Amino acid sequence: MVVTARPSGLFVLPKEHGAYGQLTFPLVTAFAAGGVSWAGALLAIAVIAAFLAHEPAAVVLGHRGPRARRERGRPAASGLACCLALALAAGVAAAVVIPPTARWSLAVPAVPAVVLAIAMIRGREKSWYGETATALAFSGVAVPVMLAAAAAPAAAYIVGTTFALLFVTITLAVRAVILRVRGGGDAAAAAAARWSTLAIAVTAIVAIAALTAAHRVVPSLLVSTAPGLCTAAVVAARPPAATRLRAVGWTVIGVSTVTAVLLVATLA
């Protein structure tokens, strides 16, 4: 989901509700459903620090224009250095204290985070793969956080998968709306985003329902993913006007809240 921002000292804090939601909901749900651990807390610090590094990095890389880089380049560089240092220190500490059997799970959010970093350096963070990588990185952090607290692996996978499907499909659905109007509109790209959203949502619901019926996955996965997938499908099938994106953002916050409550109720 695209992040917009406003200045605040060394940092620029996102003002789009979806940005905070993608950061907050997987972490809060993971702690509520799986418990709190030192490694999980350190991972949360690392993720928040990396989140705060986004806008300073955009200024330093020149993505906010030459004037922003000229006027805010030095404080942005300082803010970026502080955030990255904190993220690295907390991430390394988490890797040290996390149970060895769960150490592999750090790759779940790390791999898409690397893809996102590459996309940002190339100025492609708003591409489909940049935004998808963002969604997967935020949702994926729930897996190591829960495994670090000795939660059942199945529960950790359910939380990570649920938020991954929710964020990816909603991001693509909103992207379809934006592509209709950005730069005069791109009908082909907007249609591709819409059909991709519908394909992922329908395929995921059918696959999870079939696996549930075959007793290969627990019913809570279908229950928790249904609200988000259905919402994304509706937005893609009946795209709202671009002026209604704020309302869509609040709807996503509401659906994410429902999803988190369902996950905690069925897994805690």
C-alpha atoms as a PDB file:
ATOM      1  CA  MET A   1       0.000   0.000   0.000  1.00  0.00           C
ATOM      2  CA  VAL A   2       1.424   3.411  -0.915  1.00  0.00           C
ATOM      3  CA  VAL A   3       2.742   5.456   2.012  1.00  0.00           C
ATOM      4  CA  THR A   4       2.334   9.223   2.061  1.00  0.00           C
ATOM      5  CA  ALA A   5       3.888  11.313   4.774  1.00  0.00           C
ATOM      6  CA  ARG A   6       4.377  14.650   6.493  1.00  0.00           C
ATOM      7  CA  PRO A   7       7.555  16.070   8.009  1.00  0.00           C
ATOM      8  CA  SER A   8       8.379  15.653  11.695  1.00  0.00           C
ATOM      9  CA  GLY A   9      11.945  16.581  12.658  1.00  0.00           C
ATOM     10  CA  LEU A  10      14.456  13.993  11.505  1.00  0.00           C
ATOM     11  CA  PHE A  11      11.639  11.651  10.547  1.00  0.00           C
ATOM     12  CA  VAL A  12       8.547  11.842   8.401  1.00  0.00           C
ATOM     13  CA  LEU A  13       5.664   9.868   9.821  1.00  0.00           C
ATOM     14  CA  PRO A  14       3.202   8.143   7.486  1.00  0.00           C
ATOM     15  CA  LYS A  15      -0.277   9.629   7.540  1.00  0.00           C
ATOM     16  CA  GLU A  16      -2.009   6.895   5.531  1.00  0.00           C
ATOM     17  CA  HIS A  17      -3.981   4.596   7.801  1.00  0.00           C
ATOM     18  CA  GLY A  18      -3.043   1.502   5.820  1.00  0.00           C
ATOM     19  CA  ALA A  19       0.657   2.012   6.522  1.00  0.00           C
ATOM     20  CA  TYR A  20       0.094   1.873  10.273  1.00  0.00           C
ATOM     21  CA  GLY A  21      -2.285  -1.051   9.869  1.00  0.00           C
ATOM     22  CA  GLN A  22       0.179  -3.167   7.942  1.00  0.00           C
ATOM     23  CA  LEU A  23       2.777  -2.487  10.623  1.00  0.00           C
ATOM     24  CA  THR A  24       0.567  -2.885  13.680  1.00  0.00           C
ATOM     25  CA  PHE A  25      -1.998  -5.631  13.110  1.00  0.00           C
ATOM     26  CA  PRO A  26       0.358  -8.584  12.479  1.00  0.00           C
ATOM     27  CA  LEU A  27       2.545  -7.635  15.470  1.00  0.00           C
ATOM     28  CA  VAL A  28      -0.332  -7.095  17.887  1.00  0.00           C
ATOM     29  CA  THR A  29      -2.058 -10.286  16.742  1.00  0.00           C
ATOM     30  CA  ALA A  30       1.162 -12.294  17.008  1.00  0.00           C
ATOM     31  CA  PHE A  31       1.762 -11.119  20.577  1.00  0.00           C
ATOM     32  CA  ALA A  32      -1.864 -11.639  21.594  1.00  0.00           C
ATOM     33  CA  ALA A  33      -2.185 -15.107  20.039  1.00  0.00           C
ATOM     34  CA  GLY A  34       1.340 -16.407  20.625  1.00  0.00           C
ATOM     35  CA  GLY A  35       2.662 -14.574  23.654  1.00  0.00           C
ATOM     36  CA  VAL A  36       5.522 -12.171  24.296  1.00  0.00           C
ATOM     37  CA  SER A  37       9.197 -13.084  24.242  1.00  0.00           C
ATOM     38  CA  TRP A  38      12.480 -11.190  24.272  1.00  0.00           C
ATOM     39  CA  ALA A  39      13.163 -12.184  20.676  1.00  0.00           C
ATOM     40  CA  GLY A  40       9.662 -11.138  19.622  1.00  0.00           C
ATOM     41  CA  ALA A  41      10.038  -7.753  21.312  1.00  0.00           C
ATOM     42  CA  LEU A  42      13.391  -7.203  19.616  1.00  0.00           C
ATOM     43  CA  LEU A  43      11.878  -8.119  16.263  1.00  0.00           C
ATOM     44  CA  ALA A  44       9.092  -5.605  16.828  1.00  0.00           C
ATOM     45  CA  ILE A  45      11.679  -2.901  17.546  1.00  0.00           C
ATOM     46  CA  ALA A  46      13.585  -3.831  14.394  1.00  0.00           C
ATOM     47  CA  VAL A  47      10.436  -3.675  12.250  1.00  0.00           C
ATOM     48  CA  ILE A  48       9.323  -0.322  13.684  1.00  0.00           C
ATOM     49  CA  ALA A  49      12.800   1.151  13.181  1.00  0.00           C
ATOM     50  CA  ALA A  50      12.862  -0.077   9.583  1.00  0.00           C
ATOM     51  CA  PHE A  51       9.400   1.405   9.075  1.00  0.00           C
ATOM     52  CA  LEU A  52      10.603   4.792  10.338  1.00  0.00           C
ATOM     53  CA  ALA A  53      13.619   4.584   8.006  1.00  0.00           C
ATOM     54  CA  HIS A  54      11.368   4.619   4.937  1.00  0.00           C
ATOM     55  CA  GLU A  55      10.820   8.334   4.476  1.00  0.00           C
ATOM     56  CA  PRO A  56      14.370   9.469   5.352  1.00  0.00           C
ATOM     57  CA  ALA A  57      15.596   6.921   2.803  1.00  0.00           C
ATOM     58  CA  ALA A  58      13.184   8.305   0.190  1.00  0.00           C
ATOM     59  CA  VAL A  59      14.549  11.813   0.764  1.00  0.00           C
ATOM     60  CA  VAL A  60      18.186  10.691   0.663  1.00  0.00           C
ATOM     61  CA  LEU A  61      17.601   8.693  -2.532  1.00  0.00           C
ATOM     62  CA  GLY A  62      15.965  11.698  -4.177  1.00  0.00           C
ATOM     63  CA  HIS A  63      12.519  10.141  -4.509  1.00  0.00           C
ATOM     64  CA  ARG A  64      10.918  13.227  -2.936  1.00  0.00           C
ATOM     65  CA  GLY A  65      12.522  15.560  -5.469  1.00  0.00           C
ATOM     66  CA  PRO A  66      15.706  17.660  -5.600  1.00  0.00           C
ATOM     67  CA  ARG A  67      14.313  20.395  -3.339  1.00  0.00           C
ATOM     68  CA  ALA A  68      13.482  17.967  -0.516  1.00  0.00           C
ATOM     69  CA  ARG A  69      16.885  16.358  -0.880  1.00  0.00           C
ATOM     70  CA  ARG A  70      18.596  19.761  -0.784  1.00  0.00           C
ATOM     71  CA  GLU A  71      16.615  21.157   2.161  1.00  0.00           C
ATOM     72  CA  ARG A  72      16.131  17.995   4.228  1.00  0.00           C
ATOM     73  CA  GLY A  73      18.947  15.787   2.998  1.00  0.00           C
ATOM     74  CA  ARG A  74      21.227  16.180   6.028  1.00  0.00           C
ATOM     75  CA  PRO A  75      18.625  15.577   8.781  1.00  0.00           C
ATOM     76  CA  ALA A  76      17.124  12.786   6.665  1.00  0.00           C
ATOM     77  CA  ALA A  77      20.523  11.102   6.419  1.00  0.00           C
ATOM     78  CA  SER A  78      20.941  11.341  10.189  1.00  0.00           C
ATOM     79  CA  GLY A  79      17.463   9.920  10.769  1.00  0.00           C
ATOM     80  CA  LEU A  80      18.107   7.131   8.289  1.00  0.00           C
ATOM     81  CA  ALA A  81      21.392   6.213   9.970  1.00  0.00           C
ATOM     82  CA  CYS A  82      19.758   6.119  13.422  1.00  0.00           C
ATOM     83  CA  CYS A  83      16.835   3.989  12.236  1.00  0.00           C
ATOM     84  CA  LEU A  84      18.989   1.532  10.321  1.00  0.00           C
ATOM     85  CA  ALA A  85      21.430   1.197  13.216  1.00  0.00           C
ATOM     86  CA  LEU A  86      18.573   0.455  15.622  1.00  0.00           C
ATOM     87  CA  ALA A  87      16.930  -1.964  13.185  1.00  0.00           C
ATOM     88  CA  LEU A  88      20.208  -3.814  12.619  1.00  0.00           C
ATOM     89  CA  ALA A  89      21.076  -3.988  16.321  1.00  0.00           C
ATOM     90  CA  ALA A  90      17.616  -5.202  17.312  1.00  0.00           C
ATOM     91  CA  GLY A  91      17.500  -7.676  14.432  1.00  0.00           C
ATOM     92  CA  VAL A  92      20.892  -9.182  15.269  1.00  0.00           C
ATOM     93  CA  ALA A  93      19.968  -9.390  18.955  1.00  0.00           C
ATOM     94  CA  ALA A  94      16.707 -11.136  18.032  1.00  0.00           C
ATOM     95  CA  ALA A  95      18.605 -13.637  15.873  1.00  0.00           C
ATOM     96  CA  VAL A  96      20.885 -14.395  18.821  1.00  0.00           C
ATOM     97  CA  VAL A  97      18.197 -14.946  21.461  1.00  0.00           C
ATOM     98  CA  ILE A  98      15.510 -16.609  19.326  1.00  0.00           C
ATOM     99  CA  PRO A  99      15.310 -20.397  19.822  1.00  0.00           C
ATOM    100  CA  PRO A 100      17.602 -22.128  17.293  1.00  0.00           C
ATOM    101  CA  THR A 101      14.706 -24.179  15.937  1.00  0.00           C
ATOM    102  CA  ALA A 102      12.876 -20.956  15.018  1.00  0.00           C
ATOM    103  CA  ARG A 103      15.853 -19.046  13.612  1.00  0.00           C
ATOM    104  CA  TRP A 104      15.004 -20.028  10.042  1.00  0.00           C
ATOM    105  CA  SER A 105      11.705 -18.143  10.326  1.00  0.00           C
ATOM    106  CA  LEU A 106      13.539 -14.815  10.309  1.00  0.00           C
ATOM    107  CA  ALA A 107      13.840 -15.300   6.553  1.00  0.00           C
ATOM    108  CA  VAL A 108      10.041 -15.107   6.160  1.00  0.00           C
ATOM    109  CA  PRO A 109       9.927 -11.298   6.565  1.00  0.00           C
ATOM    110  CA  ALA A 110      13.582 -10.725   5.622  1.00  0.00           C
ATOM    111  CA  VAL A 111      13.342 -11.980   2.027  1.00  0.00           C
ATOM    112  CA  PRO A 112      10.501  -9.648   0.947  1.00  0.00           C
ATOM    113  CA  ALA A 113      12.170  -6.833   2.924  1.00  0.00           C
ATOM    114  CA  VAL A 114      15.274  -7.243   0.757  1.00  0.00           C
ATOM    115  CA  VAL A 115      13.105  -7.175  -2.376  1.00  0.00           C
ATOM    116  CA  LEU A 116      11.483  -3.978  -1.095  1.00  0.00           C
ATOM    117  CA  ALA A 117      14.873  -2.385  -0.408  1.00  0.00           C
ATOM    118  CA  ILE A 118      16.009  -3.185  -3.953  1.00  0.00           C
ATOM    119  CA  ALA A 119      12.770  -1.796  -5.380  1.00  0.00           C
ATOM    120  CA  MET A 120      13.184   1.392  -3.366  1.00  0.00           C
ATOM    121  CA  ILE A 121      16.779   1.912  -4.486  1.00  0.00           C
ATOM    122  CA  ARG A 122      15.611   1.514  -8.075  1.00  0.00           C
ATOM    123  CA  GLY A 123      12.760   3.960  -7.489  1.00  0.00           C
ATOM    124  CA  ARG A 124      10.196   1.174  -7.955  1.00  0.00           C
ATOM    125  CA  GLU A 125       8.705   0.862  -4.481  1.00  0.00           C
ATOM    126  CA  LYS A 126       5.270   1.780  -5.874  1.00  0.00           C
ATOM    127  CA  SER A 127       5.439  -0.978  -8.483  1.00  0.00           C
ATOM    128  CA  TRP A 128       3.322  -4.084  -8.046  1.00  0.00           C
ATOM    129  CA  TYR A 129       6.256  -6.085  -6.754  1.00  0.00           C
ATOM    130  CA  GLY A 130       7.422  -3.304  -4.430  1.00  0.00           C
ATOM    131  CA  GLU A 131       4.009  -2.972  -2.811  1.00  0.00           C
ATOM    132  CA  THR A 132       3.553  -6.741  -2.672  1.00  0.00           C
ATOM    133  CA  ALA A 133       6.948  -7.100  -0.987  1.00  0.00           C
ATOM    134  CA  THR A 134       5.871  -4.515   1.592  1.00  0.00           C
ATOM    135  CA  ALA A 135       2.696  -6.461   2.359  1.00  0.00           C
ATOM    136  CA  LEU A 136       4.585  -9.757   2.676  1.00  0.00           C
ATOM    137  CA  ALA A 137       7.328  -8.294   4.863  1.00  0.00           C
ATOM    138  CA  PHE A 138       4.883  -6.800   7.371  1.00  0.00           C
ATOM    139  CA  SER A 139       2.650  -9.872   7.512  1.00  0.00           C
ATOM    140  CA  GLY A 140       5.572 -12.285   7.570  1.00  0.00           C
ATOM    141  CA  VAL A 141       7.042 -10.884  10.769  1.00  0.00           C
ATOM    142  CA  ALA A 142       4.197 -12.553  12.695  1.00  0.00           C
ATOM    143  CA  VAL A 143       5.747 -15.973  12.016  1.00  0.00           C
ATOM    144  CA  PRO A 144       9.098 -15.499  13.834  1.00  0.00           C
ATOM    145  CA  VAL A 145       7.450 -13.425  16.577  1.00  0.00           C
ATOM    146  CA  MET A 146       5.075 -16.282  17.403  1.00  0.00           C
ATOM    147  CA  LEU A 147       7.647 -19.048  17.019  1.00  0.00           C
ATOM    148  CA  ALA A 148      10.005 -17.113  19.279  1.00  0.00           C
ATOM    149  CA  ALA A 149       7.342 -17.350  21.992  1.00  0.00           C
ATOM    150  CA  ALA A 150       7.047 -21.125  21.489  1.00  0.00           C
ATOM    151  CA  ALA A 151       3.641 -20.861  19.821  1.00  0.00           C
ATOM    152  CA  ALA A 152       2.448 -23.776  17.721  1.00  0.00           C
ATOM    153  CA  PRO A 153       3.922 -23.546  14.198  1.00  0.00           C
ATOM    154  CA  ALA A 154       0.467 -24.026  12.664  1.00  0.00           C
ATOM    155  CA  ALA A 155      -0.819 -20.988  14.547  1.00  0.00           C
ATOM    156  CA  ALA A 156       2.124 -18.875  13.385  1.00  0.00           C
ATOM    157  CA  TYR A 157       1.558 -19.898   9.768  1.00  0.00           C
ATOM    158  CA  ILE A 158      -2.151 -19.102  10.010  1.00  0.00           C
ATOM    159  CA  VAL A 159      -1.509 -15.570  11.280  1.00  0.00           C
ATOM    160  CA  GLY A 160       1.180 -14.894   8.696  1.00  0.00           C
ATOM    161  CA  THR A 161      -0.841 -16.349   5.826  1.00  0.00           C
ATOM    162  CA  THR A 162      -4.029 -14.558   6.812  1.00  0.00           C
ATOM    163  CA  PHE A 163      -2.443 -11.106   6.884  1.00  0.00           C
ATOM    164  CA  ALA A 164      -0.391 -11.815   3.763  1.00  0.00           C
ATOM    165  CA  LEU A 165      -3.537 -12.620   1.784  1.00  0.00           C
ATOM    166  CA  LEU A 166      -5.380  -9.642   3.261  1.00  0.00           C
ATOM    167  CA  PHE A 167      -2.621  -7.093   2.576  1.00  0.00           C
ATOM    168  CA  VAL A 168      -1.643  -8.384  -0.872  1.00  0.00           C
ATOM    169  CA  THR A 169      -5.180  -8.539  -2.248  1.00  0.00           C
ATOM    170  CA  ILE A 170      -6.246  -5.209  -0.756  1.00  0.00           C
ATOM    171  CA  THR A 171      -3.056  -3.573  -2.046  1.00  0.00           C
ATOM    172  CA  LEU A 172      -3.703  -4.858  -5.567  1.00  0.00           C
ATOM    173  CA  ALA A 173      -7.363  -3.805  -5.409  1.00  0.00           C
ATOM    174  CA  VAL A 174      -6.450  -0.265  -4.334  1.00  0.00           C
ATOM    175  CA  ARG A 175      -3.690  -0.208  -6.947  1.00  0.00           C
ATOM    176  CA  ALA A 176      -6.312  -0.893  -9.625  1.00  0.00           C
ATOM    177  CA  VAL A 177      -8.260   2.190  -8.517  1.00  0.00           C
ATOM    178  CA  ILE A 178      -5.149   4.392  -8.524  1.00  0.00           C
ATOM    179  CA  LEU A 179      -3.982   3.156 -11.930  1.00  0.00           C
ATOM    180  CA  ARG A 180      -7.277   4.274 -13.462  1.00  0.00           C
ATOM    181  CA  VAL A 181      -6.468   7.927 -12.747  1.00  0.00           C
ATOM    182  CA  ARG A 182      -2.690   8.252 -12.184  1.00  0.00           C
ATOM    183  CA  GLY A 183      -0.991  10.095 -15.045  1.00  0.00           C
ATOM    184  CA  GLY A 184      -4.167  10.199 -17.075  1.00  0.00           C
ATOM    185  CA  GLY A 185      -5.018   6.581 -16.372  1.00  0.00           C
ATOM    186  CA  ASP A 186      -3.770   3.219 -17.576  1.00  0.00           C
ATOM    187  CA  ALA A 187      -6.787   1.050 -18.357  1.00  0.00           C
ATOM    188  CA  ALA A 188      -4.755  -2.054 -19.197  1.00  0.00           C
ATOM    189  CA  ALA A 189      -2.694  -1.932 -16.005  1.00  0.00           C
ATOM    190  CA  ALA A 190      -5.789  -1.218 -13.903  1.00  0.00           C
ATOM    191  CA  ALA A 191      -7.594  -4.183 -15.449  1.00  0.00           C
ATOM    192  CA  ALA A 192      -4.591  -6.432 -14.816  1.00  0.00           C
ATOM    193  CA  ALA A 193      -4.539  -5.405 -11.148  1.00  0.00           C
ATOM    194  CA  ARG A 194      -8.291  -5.999 -10.820  1.00  0.00           C
ATOM    195  CA  TRP A 195      -8.189  -9.456 -12.378  1.00  0.00           C
ATOM    196  CA  SER A 196      -5.098 -10.384 -10.365  1.00  0.00           C
ATOM    197  CA  THR A 197      -6.931  -9.442  -7.181  1.00  0.00           C
ATOM    198  CA  LEU A 198     -10.000 -11.460  -8.101  1.00  0.00           C
ATOM    199  CA  ALA A 199      -7.904 -14.446  -9.185  1.00  0.00           C
ATOM    200  CA  ILE A 200      -5.894 -14.505  -5.953  1.00  0.00           C
ATOM    201  CA  ALA A 201      -8.946 -13.983  -3.738  1.00  0.00           C
ATOM    202  CA  VAL A 202     -11.134 -16.613  -5.418  1.00  0.00           C
ATOM    203  CA  THR A 203      -8.308 -19.143  -5.728  1.00  0.00           C
ATOM    204  CA  ALA A 204      -7.327 -18.673  -2.084  1.00  0.00           C
ATOM    205  CA  ILE A 205     -10.896 -19.068  -0.793  1.00  0.00           C
ATOM    206  CA  VAL A 206     -11.540 -22.175  -2.907  1.00  0.00           C
ATOM    207  CA  ALA A 207      -8.183 -23.730  -1.997  1.00  0.00           C
ATOM    208  CA  ILE A 208      -8.543 -23.069   1.728  1.00  0.00           C
ATOM    209  CA  ALA A 209     -12.133 -24.333   1.712  1.00  0.00           C
ATOM    210  CA  ALA A 210     -11.056 -27.535  -0.061  1.00  0.00           C
ATOM    211  CA  LEU A 211      -8.149 -28.070   2.345  1.00  0.00           C
ATOM    212  CA  THR A 212     -10.476 -27.453   5.279  1.00  0.00           C
ATOM    213  CA  ALA A 213     -12.990 -29.989   3.970  1.00  0.00           C
ATOM    214  CA  ALA A 214     -10.175 -32.503   3.539  1.00  0.00           C
ATOM    215  CA  HIS A 215      -9.025 -31.822   7.126  1.00  0.00           C
ATOM    216  CA  ARG A 216      -5.630 -30.663   5.879  1.00  0.00           C
ATOM    217  CA  VAL A 217      -5.908 -27.245   7.560  1.00  0.00           C
ATOM    218  CA  VAL A 218      -7.896 -26.099  10.561  1.00  0.00           C
ATOM    219  CA  PRO A 219     -11.213 -24.268   9.946  1.00  0.00           C
ATOM    220  CA  SER A 220      -9.867 -21.122  11.653  1.00  0.00           C
ATOM    221  CA  LEU A 221      -7.780 -20.359   8.539  1.00  0.00           C
ATOM    222  CA  LEU A 222     -10.908 -20.143   6.381  1.00  0.00           C
ATOM    223  CA  VAL A 223     -12.750 -18.125   9.025  1.00  0.00           C
ATOM    224  CA  SER A 224      -9.928 -15.610   9.452  1.00  0.00           C
ATOM    225  CA  THR A 225      -9.122 -15.121   5.759  1.00  0.00           C
ATOM    226  CA  ALA A 226     -12.707 -14.835   4.489  1.00  0.00           C
ATOM    227  CA  PRO A 227     -13.405 -11.204   5.567  1.00  0.00           C
ATOM    228  CA  GLY A 228     -10.259  -9.802   3.957  1.00  0.00           C
ATOM    229  CA  LEU A 229     -10.485 -11.829   0.756  1.00  0.00           C
ATOM    230  CA  CYS A 230     -14.163 -10.995   0.293  1.00  0.00           C
ATOM    231  CA  THR A 231     -13.497  -7.283   0.873  1.00  0.00           C
ATOM    232  CA  ALA A 232     -10.664  -7.252  -1.656  1.00  0.00           C
ATOM    233  CA  ALA A 233     -12.823  -9.079  -4.191  1.00  0.00           C
ATOM    234  CA  VAL A 234     -15.639  -6.566  -3.771  1.00  0.00           C
ATOM    235  CA  VAL A 235     -13.288  -3.578  -4.165  1.00  0.00           C
ATOM    236  CA  ALA A 236     -11.780  -5.159  -7.280  1.00  0.00           C
ATOM    237  CA  ALA A 237     -15.137  -6.138  -8.795  1.00  0.00           C
ATOM    238  CA  ARG A 238     -16.735  -2.754  -8.117  1.00  0.00           C
ATOM    239  CA  PRO A 239     -13.846  -0.236  -7.969  1.00  0.00           C
ATOM    240  CA  PRO A 240     -14.791   2.934  -6.075  1.00  0.00           C
ATOM    241  CA  ALA A 241     -13.925   6.400  -7.308  1.00  0.00           C
ATOM    242  CA  ALA A 242     -10.431   7.587  -6.439  1.00  0.00           C
ATOM    243  CA  THR A 243     -12.014  10.201  -4.162  1.00  0.00           C
ATOM    244  CA  ARG A 244     -13.350   7.332  -2.031  1.00  0.00           C
ATOM    245  CA  LEU A 245      -9.956   5.835  -1.247  1.00  0.00           C
ATOM    246  CA  ARG A 246      -9.955   7.310   2.244  1.00  0.00           C
ATOM    247  CA  ALA A 247     -13.201   5.477   2.985  1.00  0.00           C
ATOM    248  CA  VAL A 248     -11.660   2.308   1.565  1.00  0.00           C
ATOM    249  CA  GLY A 249      -8.714   2.801   3.908  1.00  0.00           C
ATOM    250  CA  TRP A 250     -10.991   2.960   6.932  1.00  0.00           C
ATOM    251  CA  THR A 251     -12.835  -0.121   5.676  1.00  0.00           C
ATOM    252  CA  VAL A 252      -9.531  -1.976   5.512  1.00  0.00           C
ATOM    253  CA  ILE A 253      -8.753  -0.931   9.088  1.00  0.00           C
ATOM    254  CA  GLY A 254     -12.132  -2.314  10.159  1.00  0.00           C
ATOM    255  CA  VAL A 255     -11.623  -5.583   8.282  1.00  0.00           C
ATOM    256  CA  SER A 256      -8.103  -5.914   9.714  1.00  0.00           C
ATOM    257  CA  THR A 257      -9.522  -5.434  13.203  1.00  0.00           C
ATOM    258  CA  VAL A 258     -12.132  -8.133  12.624  1.00  0.00           C
ATOM    259  CA  THR A 259      -9.436 -10.422  11.228  1.00  0.00           C
ATOM    260  CA  ALA A 260      -7.188  -9.868  14.235  1.00  0.00           C
ATOM    261  CA  VAL A 261     -10.041 -10.542  16.675  1.00  0.00           C
ATOM    262  CA  LEU A 262     -10.960 -13.746  14.848  1.00  0.00           C
ATOM    263  CA  LEU A 263      -7.350 -14.932  14.881  1.00  0.00           C
ATOM    264  CA  VAL A 264      -6.853 -14.241  18.575  1.00  0.00           C
ATOM    265  CA  ALA A 265     -10.214 -15.811  19.466  1.00  0.00           C
ATOM    266  CA  THR A 266      -9.462 -19.017  17.569  1.00  0.00           C
ATOM    267  CA  LEU A 267      -5.742 -19.366  18.284  1.00  0.00           C
ATOM    268  CA  ALA A 268      -5.052 -17.891  21.723  1.00  0.00           C
END
